[in-house]
């Protein structure tokens, strides 16, 4: 794949992931119009209300985008919208609709799993991984993810989401896997994998603050890559913080661009 194709499969996976996440919520709505996909999760949370758009199939419909932003603003729902740093016309549109730069850029990365070989031998018996399958495990997953937003409304909304998810009839889902890492039988790390058309997107990678610095993030990512390859994914994508870029490079990822995040709050 060339870089343009790599970027598109990343956006395709991200769009499919946010749609699947909405499917777990009874009241959530998925809208698609003029190449835009936007989610009303029926939660005041920018982690679950999101807008994505196709980069290749449609021309940019400015009026449609403005209608979408007005919709969220009328409900007083926070949202997030992503684009590539080079898409200056889209960034201009974001600013026209009074969206604000979130202030944190991310690095779009991709790994060819045909070339992937595990780099971290799993010799530490104190650390193991499990796919979340029980109500309790999904609530634990949400608790670790929400700890990244301590003291904010997002912490509350993420916990509400995973409490709802834990009751969903859709939990037996190999397409969307939620992984928990245990250290000495204590849940300390999480990550999820979403599969689309031989692409595995990695999301929600988090380590409890008290457990960082032990190499658990590298072990977790290595495990997620192994799982993706075992499920016959050809490529793996993720959106990394700039500080973590070198860690993922060592695991076989290459950088395909810088992602900007804009919000309405």
Protein backbone atom coordinates (compact mmCIF):
# COMPACT_ATOMS: atom_id res chain seq x y z
CA UNK A 1 0.00 0.00 0.00
CA UNK A 2 1.11 3.54 -0.67
CA UNK A 3 0.82 6.15 2.08
CA UNK A 4 -2.52 7.49 0.85
CA UNK A 5 -3.99 3.98 0.96
CA UNK A 6 -2.52 3.43 4.42
CA UNK A 7 -4.19 6.59 5.68
CA UNK A 8 -7.51 5.56 4.18
CA UNK A 9 -7.53 2.08 5.76
CA UNK A 10 -6.77 3.70 9.12
CA UNK A 11 -9.74 6.08 8.77
CA UNK A 12 -11.95 3.23 7.53
CA UNK A 13 -11.09 1.16 10.59
CA UNK A 14 -11.61 4.12 12.94
CA UNK A 15 -15.02 4.86 11.39
CA UNK A 16 -16.13 1.23 11.63
CA UNK A 17 -14.93 1.10 15.24
CA UNK A 18 -16.95 4.13 16.38
CA UNK A 19 -20.01 2.69 14.63
CA UNK A 20 -19.56 -0.66 16.33
CA UNK A 21 -19.07 1.03 19.70
CA UNK A 22 -22.36 2.89 19.17
CA UNK A 23 -24.11 -0.38 18.33
CA UNK A 24 -23.61 -1.50 21.92
CA UNK A 25 -25.80 1.38 23.15
CA UNK A 26 -29.56 1.05 22.85
CA UNK A 27 -30.24 4.76 22.30
CA UNK A 28 -27.18 5.64 20.20
CA UNK A 29 -27.73 6.82 16.62
CA UNK A 30 -25.43 6.43 13.62
CA UNK A 31 -25.79 8.96 10.82
CA UNK A 32 -24.13 8.91 7.38
CA UNK A 33 -24.43 11.79 4.92
CA UNK A 34 -22.27 13.16 2.08
CA UNK A 35 -19.29 11.03 3.11
CA UNK A 36 -19.54 11.95 6.81
CA UNK A 37 -20.20 9.43 9.56
CA UNK A 38 -21.28 10.89 12.87
CA UNK A 39 -22.37 9.26 16.09
CA UNK A 40 -24.82 10.45 18.70
CA UNK A 41 -23.97 8.12 21.57
CA UNK A 42 -26.66 9.67 23.75
CA UNK A 43 -23.89 10.40 26.24
CA UNK A 44 -22.26 13.82 26.79
CA UNK A 45 -18.82 12.43 25.99
CA UNK A 46 -16.33 13.25 23.25
CA UNK A 47 -14.94 9.72 23.53
CA UNK A 48 -18.15 8.35 22.03
CA UNK A 49 -19.55 11.26 19.98
CA UNK A 50 -17.31 11.54 16.93
CA UNK A 51 -17.29 12.62 13.29
CA UNK A 52 -15.23 10.98 10.54
CA UNK A 53 -15.29 11.40 6.78
CA UNK A 54 -14.05 9.57 3.71
CA UNK A 55 -10.91 11.03 2.20
CA UNK A 56 -11.39 9.67 -1.30
CA UNK A 57 -15.04 8.99 -2.08
CA UNK A 58 -16.66 12.40 -1.63
CA UNK A 59 -15.84 16.05 -2.09
CA UNK A 60 -15.94 18.08 1.11
CA UNK A 61 -19.52 19.27 1.75
CA UNK A 62 -19.08 22.34 3.93
CA UNK A 63 -22.79 22.96 4.59
CA UNK A 64 -23.32 19.35 5.66
CA UNK A 65 -20.45 19.56 8.10
CA UNK A 66 -21.81 22.80 9.57
CA UNK A 67 -25.20 21.12 10.05
CA UNK A 68 -23.53 18.25 11.88
CA UNK A 69 -21.69 20.58 14.26
CA UNK A 70 -24.88 22.57 14.87
CA UNK A 71 -26.62 19.30 15.77
CA UNK A 72 -24.10 18.49 18.51
CA UNK A 73 -24.00 22.06 19.76
CA UNK A 74 -27.78 22.13 20.07
CA UNK A 75 -27.59 19.10 22.36
CA UNK A 76 -24.59 20.56 24.21
CA UNK A 77 -22.67 17.36 23.47
CA UNK A 78 -18.87 17.47 23.27
CA UNK A 79 -17.38 15.85 20.16
CA UNK A 80 -14.03 15.16 18.56
CA UNK A 81 -13.10 15.29 14.87
CA UNK A 82 -9.82 14.06 13.37
CA UNK A 83 -7.92 15.02 10.22
CA UNK A 84 -4.41 14.83 8.82
CA UNK A 85 -2.10 17.79 9.40
CA UNK A 86 -1.75 18.39 5.65
CA UNK A 87 -5.52 18.77 5.10
CA UNK A 88 -5.49 22.54 5.40
CA UNK A 89 -8.87 22.97 3.69
CA UNK A 90 -10.49 20.73 6.29
CA UNK A 91 -8.72 22.50 9.15
CA UNK A 92 -10.03 25.78 7.74
CA UNK A 93 -13.56 24.34 7.76
CA UNK A 94 -13.14 23.22 11.36
CA UNK A 95 -12.21 26.75 12.34
CA UNK A 96 -15.15 28.19 10.38
CA UNK A 97 -17.48 26.07 12.51
CA UNK A 98 -15.73 27.30 15.67
CA UNK A 99 -14.06 24.00 16.49
CA UNK A 100 -10.87 24.29 18.52
CA UNK A 101 -7.55 22.51 18.25
CA UNK A 102 -7.52 20.00 21.13
CA UNK A 103 -3.86 20.84 21.66
CA UNK A 104 -2.58 17.28 21.42
CA UNK A 105 -1.51 15.84 18.07
CA UNK A 106 -1.27 12.12 17.42
CA UNK A 107 0.95 10.05 15.17
CA UNK A 108 -0.77 7.76 12.68
CA UNK A 109 1.18 4.48 12.47
CA UNK A 110 0.89 1.16 10.63
CA UNK A 111 2.64 -2.20 10.91
CA UNK A 112 2.89 -4.95 8.31
CA UNK A 113 2.05 -8.07 10.29
CA UNK A 114 3.60 -10.37 7.70
CA UNK A 115 6.94 -9.07 8.93
CA UNK A 116 6.03 -9.05 12.62
CA UNK A 117 7.95 -11.24 15.01
CA UNK A 118 7.37 -11.12 18.78
CA UNK A 119 10.13 -9.05 20.38
CA UNK A 120 9.33 -9.62 24.03
CA UNK A 121 9.49 -13.26 25.20
CA UNK A 122 6.64 -13.97 27.61
CA UNK A 123 8.71 -15.32 30.47
CA UNK A 124 7.25 -13.20 33.29
CA UNK A 125 4.57 -15.39 34.85
CA UNK A 126 3.46 -12.48 37.02
CA UNK A 127 1.92 -10.84 33.93
CA UNK A 128 -0.78 -12.40 31.72
CA UNK A 129 -3.57 -11.32 29.38
CA UNK A 130 -7.24 -12.19 29.08
CA UNK A 131 -9.96 -11.23 26.61
CA UNK A 132 -12.80 -9.55 28.51
CA UNK A 133 -15.88 -11.77 28.39
CA UNK A 134 -17.67 -11.19 31.69
CA UNK A 135 -19.70 -8.29 33.06
CA UNK A 136 -17.06 -7.75 35.74
CA UNK A 137 -14.21 -7.62 33.20
CA UNK A 138 -15.91 -5.00 31.03
CA UNK A 139 -16.48 -2.81 34.08
CA UNK A 140 -12.80 -3.28 35.04
CA UNK A 141 -11.78 -2.33 31.48
CA UNK A 142 -13.85 0.86 31.71
CA UNK A 143 -12.39 1.70 35.09
CA UNK A 144 -8.82 1.55 33.82
CA UNK A 145 -9.68 3.57 30.71
CA UNK A 146 -11.56 6.20 32.72
CA UNK A 147 -8.59 6.59 35.07
CA UNK A 148 -6.90 8.55 32.25
CA UNK A 149 -9.55 11.25 32.77
CA UNK A 150 -9.50 11.40 36.56
CA UNK A 151 -11.71 14.13 37.99
CA UNK A 152 -13.45 15.04 34.72
CA UNK A 153 -16.88 14.39 33.22
CA UNK A 154 -15.23 11.97 30.78
CA UNK A 155 -14.28 9.70 33.69
CA UNK A 156 -17.96 9.45 34.65
CA UNK A 157 -19.23 8.97 31.08
CA UNK A 158 -16.69 6.27 30.22
CA UNK A 159 -17.73 4.29 33.30
CA UNK A 160 -21.40 4.72 32.36
CA UNK A 161 -20.66 3.47 28.84
CA UNK A 162 -18.88 0.33 30.02
CA UNK A 163 -21.58 -0.40 32.58
CA UNK A 164 -24.06 -0.32 29.70
CA UNK A 165 -21.71 -2.36 27.52
CA UNK A 166 -21.41 -5.00 30.24
CA UNK A 167 -25.17 -5.60 29.95
CA UNK A 168 -25.20 -5.76 26.14
CA UNK A 169 -26.24 -8.86 24.24
CA UNK A 170 -23.47 -8.09 21.71
CA UNK A 171 -20.52 -8.87 23.98
CA UNK A 172 -19.59 -12.17 22.32
CA UNK A 173 -17.87 -10.31 19.51
CA UNK A 174 -14.55 -11.46 18.02
CA UNK A 175 -14.50 -8.42 15.74
CA UNK A 176 -14.05 -6.08 18.72
CA UNK A 177 -11.81 -7.58 21.38
CA UNK A 178 -11.15 -5.94 24.74
CA UNK A 179 -7.96 -7.19 26.38
CA UNK A 180 -6.99 -6.87 30.06
CA UNK A 181 -3.42 -7.31 31.30
CA UNK A 182 -3.02 -8.71 34.81
CA UNK A 183 0.08 -8.24 36.95
CA UNK A 184 0.22 -10.59 39.94
CA UNK A 185 -3.48 -11.26 39.30
CA UNK A 186 -4.37 -7.55 39.50
CA UNK A 187 -5.86 -5.84 36.40
CA UNK A 188 -3.38 -3.08 35.50
CA UNK A 189 -3.47 -2.61 31.71
CA UNK A 190 -5.94 -2.60 28.82
CA UNK A 191 -6.06 -2.46 25.05
CA UNK A 192 -8.66 -3.20 22.39
CA UNK A 193 -8.47 -4.55 18.84
CA UNK A 194 -11.02 -3.85 16.13
CA UNK A 195 -10.90 -5.89 12.90
CA UNK A 196 -11.98 -4.74 9.43
CA UNK A 197 -10.99 -6.33 6.10
CA UNK A 198 -7.61 -7.72 7.22
CA UNK A 199 -6.89 -4.53 9.18
CA UNK A 200 -6.54 -4.57 12.97
CA UNK A 201 -6.89 -1.19 14.69
CA UNK A 202 -5.42 -0.89 18.19
CA UNK A 203 -7.25 1.40 20.61
CA UNK A 204 -7.67 2.18 24.33
CA UNK A 205 -4.10 1.27 25.28
CA UNK A 206 -3.70 2.30 28.91
CA UNK A 207 -1.64 1.36 31.96
CA UNK A 208 -2.59 2.27 35.51
CA UNK A 209 -0.42 5.18 36.62
CA UNK A 210 0.92 3.22 39.59
CA UNK A 211 2.17 0.43 37.31
CA UNK A 212 3.97 2.44 34.63
CA UNK A 213 7.69 2.14 34.05
CA UNK A 214 7.69 -1.67 34.23
CA UNK A 215 7.59 -2.28 30.48
CA UNK A 216 3.97 -3.36 30.63
CA UNK A 217 2.96 -1.13 27.71
CA UNK A 218 5.45 -2.82 25.41
CA UNK A 219 4.36 -6.29 26.56
CA UNK A 220 0.71 -5.35 26.07
CA UNK A 221 1.25 -3.98 22.56
CA UNK A 222 3.31 -7.01 21.65
CA UNK A 223 0.45 -9.25 22.80
CA UNK A 224 -2.11 -7.22 20.81
CA UNK A 225 0.05 -7.59 17.69
CA UNK A 226 0.39 -11.33 18.23
CA UNK A 227 -3.40 -11.60 18.63
CA UNK A 228 -4.03 -9.57 15.47
CA UNK A 229 -1.64 -11.75 13.47
CA UNK A 230 -3.25 -14.93 14.83
CA UNK A 231 -6.60 -13.59 13.57
CA UNK A 232 -5.04 -13.27 10.07
CA UNK A 233 -4.90 -9.48 9.97
CA UNK A 234 -2.41 -8.25 7.35
CA UNK A 235 -1.83 -4.78 8.84
CA UNK A 236 -2.23 -3.11 12.20
CA UNK A 237 -2.91 0.60 12.74
CA UNK A 238 -2.90 2.89 15.75
CA UNK A 239 -2.88 6.53 16.75
CA UNK A 240 0.05 7.15 19.13
CA UNK A 241 1.09 10.05 21.29
CA UNK A 242 4.35 11.60 20.05
CA UNK A 243 6.08 10.38 23.23
CA UNK A 244 5.21 6.76 22.41
CA UNK A 245 6.20 6.88 18.71
CA UNK A 246 9.65 5.36 19.23
CA UNK A 247 8.23 2.54 21.36
CA UNK A 248 5.90 1.52 18.56
CA UNK A 249 8.66 1.87 15.95
CA UNK A 250 10.68 -0.75 17.84
CA UNK A 251 7.69 -3.08 17.51
CA UNK A 252 7.59 -2.67 13.73
CA UNK A 253 5.27 0.30 13.17
CA UNK A 254 6.04 3.04 10.66
CA UNK A 255 4.71 6.60 10.77
CA UNK A 256 2.27 7.62 8.03
CA UNK A 257 1.31 11.12 9.22
CA UNK A 258 0.35 13.49 11.99
CA UNK A 259 -3.28 13.58 13.10
CA UNK A 260 -4.92 16.75 14.39
CA UNK A 261 -7.87 16.59 16.79
CA UNK A 262 -10.50 19.34 16.96
CA UNK A 263 -13.29 19.68 19.51
CA UNK A 264 -16.32 21.92 20.12
CA UNK A 265 -15.53 22.80 23.74
